[in-house]
């Protein structure tokens, strides 16, 4: 149905408020220029997951236009996979608009001064094998944040120093996180280890860090997919955004269930 048709049917009593709301959720698209981009501001209302702008492959001027429209409609925007050059140039332009910027290594969260993210009760733990993997862990952290979760992070806890790993997992268990995101490159063994010593569900995120045979995340992905330690699911190479979104959905659902129990 067109917007006018929805409103006319609601006014006549032909459809209920619930049906009208359902139709409107499927309706709203915001156009950037004529055919540059189609923003979906109600995606989070429908699916629980906000739209994320991929920075990779876009012209800087186009990316800036998309960001400005998105923030004006939603109050915030998440941009992933930004090059250092784009990150620097975008931040300089956006700071002039008096927006709040939260910068990761390749992820940018932009919010209007008045926007407040919902505070839900999901708690997401993020374990990062090496310092080189942090940029992917930051994607997951920012995504979980915008979906209302509290995040706890432990960086540089790879299996080469297993005492670091055990201490970090213990901290997560004691903090009662609902789900763990494990980010690892090289051979990607951290995910299997973590899922074998805790009953907390684990999302494995293989990263493209690594060299030689099995480089670019291939070995890490294969290792995580081949794990014999049940309790871990795996996303694609460098998909911190996807891991953060899935973790937030699970954590928020689990926290709601535990409160009502």
Protein backbone atom coordinates (compact mmCIF):
# COMPACT_ATOMS: atom_id res chain seq x y z
CA UNK A 1 0.00 0.00 0.00
CA UNK A 2 1.04 3.60 -0.62
CA UNK A 3 1.39 5.93 2.37
CA UNK A 4 -1.81 7.84 1.57
CA UNK A 5 -3.72 4.58 1.18
CA UNK A 6 -2.50 3.38 4.58
CA UNK A 7 -3.56 6.63 6.25
CA UNK A 8 -6.94 6.75 4.50
CA UNK A 9 -7.74 3.17 5.48
CA UNK A 10 -6.72 3.90 9.06
CA UNK A 11 -8.89 7.04 9.15
CA UNK A 12 -11.90 5.10 7.81
CA UNK A 13 -11.38 2.30 10.29
CA UNK A 14 -10.71 -0.24 7.53
CA UNK A 15 -7.45 -1.27 9.20
CA UNK A 16 -6.33 -1.22 12.82
CA UNK A 17 -3.51 0.86 14.28
CA UNK A 18 -1.48 -2.34 14.57
CA UNK A 19 -1.89 -3.14 10.87
CA UNK A 20 -1.10 0.46 9.89
CA UNK A 21 2.06 0.37 11.99
CA UNK A 22 3.03 -2.92 10.37
CA UNK A 23 2.55 -1.46 6.89
CA UNK A 24 4.48 1.71 7.74
CA UNK A 25 7.42 -0.34 8.95
CA UNK A 26 7.69 -1.80 5.46
CA UNK A 27 7.20 1.54 3.77
CA UNK A 28 9.79 4.09 4.79
CA UNK A 29 12.78 4.68 2.51
CA UNK A 30 14.80 7.90 2.48
CA UNK A 31 16.43 8.84 -0.82
CA UNK A 32 19.85 10.50 -1.03
CA UNK A 33 19.82 12.70 -4.13
CA UNK A 34 18.11 11.09 -7.12
CA UNK A 35 19.58 7.62 -7.14
CA UNK A 36 22.72 7.75 -4.99
CA UNK A 37 21.43 5.75 -2.03
CA UNK A 38 18.22 4.58 -0.42
CA UNK A 39 18.40 4.78 3.37
CA UNK A 40 16.23 2.44 5.41
CA UNK A 41 15.60 4.38 8.66
CA UNK A 42 13.08 1.88 10.03
CA UNK A 43 15.27 -1.19 9.59
CA UNK A 44 16.07 -1.29 13.29
CA UNK A 45 12.36 -1.15 14.13
CA UNK A 46 11.68 -4.13 11.86
CA UNK A 47 14.68 -6.33 12.57
CA UNK A 48 16.31 -4.98 15.70
CA UNK A 49 19.51 -4.22 13.75
CA UNK A 50 20.29 -0.70 12.47
CA UNK A 51 21.57 -0.05 8.98
CA UNK A 52 25.36 0.24 8.66
CA UNK A 53 27.09 2.27 5.95
CA UNK A 54 29.96 0.46 4.25
CA UNK A 55 32.77 2.94 3.69
CA UNK A 56 34.71 0.72 1.31
CA UNK A 57 34.27 1.39 -2.41
CA UNK A 58 32.41 4.71 -2.12
CA UNK A 59 33.50 8.16 -3.27
CA UNK A 60 34.23 10.44 -0.32
CA UNK A 61 31.69 13.06 -1.40
CA UNK A 62 28.98 10.42 -1.79
CA UNK A 63 29.78 8.85 1.55
CA UNK A 64 29.56 12.25 3.24
CA UNK A 65 26.12 12.93 1.73
CA UNK A 66 24.83 9.53 2.86
CA UNK A 67 26.13 10.10 6.39
CA UNK A 68 24.54 13.55 6.71
CA UNK A 69 21.11 12.32 5.60
CA UNK A 70 21.33 9.24 7.81
CA UNK A 71 22.20 11.25 10.92
CA UNK A 72 19.44 13.77 10.20
CA UNK A 73 16.85 10.97 9.99
CA UNK A 74 18.08 8.55 12.67
CA UNK A 75 20.25 10.62 14.98
CA UNK A 76 23.29 8.45 14.32
CA UNK A 77 25.27 6.59 11.67
CA UNK A 78 27.75 3.71 11.79
CA UNK A 79 30.37 3.56 9.02
CA UNK A 80 32.56 0.49 8.62
CA UNK A 81 35.72 -0.38 6.66
CA UNK A 82 37.05 3.17 6.34
CA UNK A 83 40.55 3.80 5.05
CA UNK A 84 42.78 6.01 7.25
CA UNK A 85 42.57 8.77 4.62
CA UNK A 86 38.76 8.68 4.52
CA UNK A 87 38.57 8.54 8.31
CA UNK A 88 40.67 11.69 8.64
CA UNK A 89 38.86 13.66 5.94
CA UNK A 90 35.37 12.68 7.10
CA UNK A 91 36.09 13.54 10.72
CA UNK A 92 37.34 17.01 9.75
CA UNK A 93 34.16 17.68 7.74
CA UNK A 94 31.77 16.23 10.32
CA UNK A 95 33.34 18.04 13.28
CA UNK A 96 32.25 21.31 11.67
CA UNK A 97 28.64 20.13 12.02
CA UNK A 98 29.07 19.79 15.79
CA UNK A 99 28.36 16.07 15.77
CA UNK A 100 29.74 13.60 18.29
CA UNK A 101 32.32 11.24 16.80
CA UNK A 102 33.55 7.93 18.22
CA UNK A 103 36.50 6.72 16.17
CA UNK A 104 37.79 3.20 15.86
CA UNK A 105 40.71 2.26 13.65
CA UNK A 106 38.43 1.74 10.63
CA UNK A 107 34.95 2.21 12.12
CA UNK A 108 33.21 5.50 12.84
CA UNK A 109 30.14 6.17 14.99
CA UNK A 110 28.53 9.57 14.47
CA UNK A 111 25.73 10.84 16.69
CA UNK A 112 23.78 14.06 16.96
CA UNK A 113 24.12 15.95 20.24
CA UNK A 114 20.57 15.05 21.25
CA UNK A 115 20.65 11.33 20.38
CA UNK A 116 20.70 8.74 23.14
CA UNK A 117 21.10 5.04 22.47
CA UNK A 118 18.67 2.69 24.24
CA UNK A 119 20.03 1.12 27.40
CA UNK A 120 19.10 -2.53 27.35
CA UNK A 121 20.53 -5.12 29.72
CA UNK A 122 22.48 -7.34 27.34
CA UNK A 123 26.15 -7.79 28.15
CA UNK A 124 28.65 -8.71 25.40
CA UNK A 125 32.24 -9.79 26.05
CA UNK A 126 34.89 -9.32 23.36
CA UNK A 127 38.20 -11.22 23.38
CA UNK A 128 40.82 -10.17 20.85
CA UNK A 129 43.79 -12.43 20.13
CA UNK A 130 46.34 -9.83 19.02
CA UNK A 131 46.75 -6.08 18.79
CA UNK A 132 46.56 -6.38 14.99
CA UNK A 133 42.99 -7.71 15.34
CA UNK A 134 41.70 -4.75 17.36
CA UNK A 135 40.14 -2.92 14.41
CA UNK A 136 37.74 -5.82 13.86
CA UNK A 137 36.98 -6.08 17.57
CA UNK A 138 36.12 -2.36 17.53
CA UNK A 139 33.53 -2.98 14.82
CA UNK A 140 31.81 -5.50 17.08
CA UNK A 141 32.04 -3.21 20.10
CA UNK A 142 30.48 -0.22 18.33
CA UNK A 143 27.72 -2.35 16.82
CA UNK A 144 26.79 -3.86 20.17
CA UNK A 145 26.80 -0.40 21.72
CA UNK A 146 24.32 1.11 19.27
CA UNK A 147 22.04 -1.87 19.90
CA UNK A 148 21.94 -1.07 23.60
CA UNK A 149 24.45 -3.56 25.03
CA UNK A 150 27.15 -3.10 27.61
CA UNK A 151 30.49 -4.31 26.24
CA UNK A 152 33.55 -5.64 28.03
CA UNK A 153 36.80 -6.02 26.11
CA UNK A 154 40.08 -7.88 26.63
CA UNK A 155 42.76 -7.26 23.98
CA UNK A 156 45.97 -9.18 23.23
CA UNK A 157 44.94 -12.44 24.90
CA UNK A 158 45.96 -14.92 22.19
CA UNK A 159 47.01 -18.50 22.87
CA UNK A 160 50.75 -17.81 22.53
CA UNK A 161 50.51 -16.74 26.17
CA UNK A 162 47.74 -18.98 27.42
CA UNK A 163 47.87 -17.58 30.95
CA UNK A 164 46.58 -14.30 29.48
CA UNK A 165 43.73 -16.16 27.82
CA UNK A 166 42.61 -17.95 30.96
CA UNK A 167 42.63 -14.77 33.02
CA UNK A 168 40.63 -12.89 30.36
CA UNK A 169 38.02 -15.66 30.12
CA UNK A 170 37.76 -15.70 33.91
CA UNK A 171 37.09 -11.97 33.91
CA UNK A 172 34.29 -12.44 31.38
CA UNK A 173 32.72 -15.27 33.38
CA UNK A 174 32.85 -13.22 36.58
CA UNK A 175 31.28 -10.27 34.75
CA UNK A 176 28.39 -12.55 33.70
CA UNK A 177 28.46 -11.67 30.02
CA UNK A 178 25.68 -13.27 28.01
CA UNK A 179 27.79 -14.03 24.94
CA UNK A 180 31.44 -13.85 23.85
CA UNK A 181 32.91 -12.58 20.60
CA UNK A 182 36.36 -14.03 19.93
CA UNK A 183 38.41 -12.19 17.30
CA UNK A 184 41.53 -13.95 16.00
CA UNK A 185 43.77 -14.08 12.95
CA UNK A 186 46.77 -16.32 12.18
CA UNK A 187 45.66 -19.92 12.95
CA UNK A 188 42.47 -18.72 14.70
CA UNK A 189 42.74 -21.17 17.59
CA UNK A 190 41.52 -18.79 20.28
CA UNK A 191 37.84 -19.37 19.52
CA UNK A 192 38.08 -23.14 19.96
CA UNK A 193 40.00 -22.77 23.20
CA UNK A 194 37.53 -20.31 24.70
CA UNK A 195 34.46 -22.33 23.75
CA UNK A 196 36.04 -25.43 25.30
CA UNK A 197 36.45 -23.91 28.77
CA UNK A 198 33.20 -21.98 29.27
CA UNK A 199 29.47 -22.54 28.79
CA UNK A 200 29.03 -19.02 27.41
CA UNK A 201 28.08 -19.09 23.71
CA UNK A 202 30.93 -17.94 21.45
CA UNK A 203 30.97 -16.15 18.10
CA UNK A 204 34.25 -16.70 16.28
CA UNK A 205 35.49 -13.87 14.05
CA UNK A 206 38.47 -14.86 11.87
CA UNK A 207 40.52 -11.88 10.75
CA UNK A 208 42.68 -11.36 7.68
CA UNK A 209 45.80 -10.97 9.83
CA UNK A 210 48.41 -13.59 8.90
CA UNK A 211 51.00 -14.36 6.24
CA UNK A 212 52.32 -17.18 4.09
CA UNK A 213 50.28 -20.36 3.65
CA UNK A 214 46.67 -19.78 4.74
CA UNK A 215 47.12 -16.01 4.85
CA UNK A 216 44.39 -13.34 4.62
CA UNK A 217 42.21 -15.15 7.14
CA UNK A 218 41.87 -18.43 5.25
CA UNK A 219 43.60 -20.52 7.94
CA UNK A 220 41.71 -18.78 10.76
CA UNK A 221 38.36 -19.30 9.05
CA UNK A 222 39.08 -22.96 8.26
CA UNK A 223 40.24 -23.60 11.82
CA UNK A 224 37.13 -22.07 13.36
CA UNK A 225 34.81 -23.90 10.97
CA UNK A 226 36.59 -27.19 11.68
CA UNK A 227 36.50 -26.80 15.46
CA UNK A 228 35.58 -29.87 17.47
CA UNK A 229 34.65 -27.67 20.43
CA UNK A 230 30.90 -27.23 20.19
CA UNK A 231 29.35 -23.99 21.37
CA UNK A 232 30.95 -21.70 18.81
CA UNK A 233 29.40 -20.25 15.68
CA UNK A 234 31.49 -18.45 13.06
CA UNK A 235 31.04 -15.36 10.86
CA UNK A 236 32.98 -14.42 7.76
CA UNK A 237 36.54 -13.08 7.71
CA UNK A 238 36.77 -9.56 9.24
CA UNK A 239 33.01 -9.43 9.87
CA UNK A 240 33.10 -7.66 13.22
CA UNK A 241 29.90 -5.78 12.38
CA UNK A 242 27.95 -8.99 11.83
CA UNK A 243 29.35 -10.53 15.00
CA UNK A 244 28.44 -7.48 17.06
CA UNK A 245 24.89 -7.40 15.70
CA UNK A 246 24.27 -11.10 16.31
CA UNK A 247 25.80 -10.94 19.77
CA UNK A 248 23.63 -7.98 20.73
CA UNK A 249 20.44 -9.70 19.60
CA UNK A 250 21.28 -12.81 21.62
CA UNK A 251 22.46 -10.89 24.70
CA UNK A 252 19.39 -8.65 24.79
CA UNK A 253 17.04 -11.61 24.38
CA UNK A 254 18.84 -13.57 27.10
CA UNK A 255 18.78 -10.66 29.54
CA UNK A 256 15.06 -10.12 28.93
CA UNK A 257 14.35 -13.80 29.56
CA UNK A 258 16.40 -13.88 32.76
CA UNK A 259 14.58 -10.81 34.10
CA UNK A 260 11.16 -12.34 33.47
CA UNK A 261 12.10 -15.73 34.95
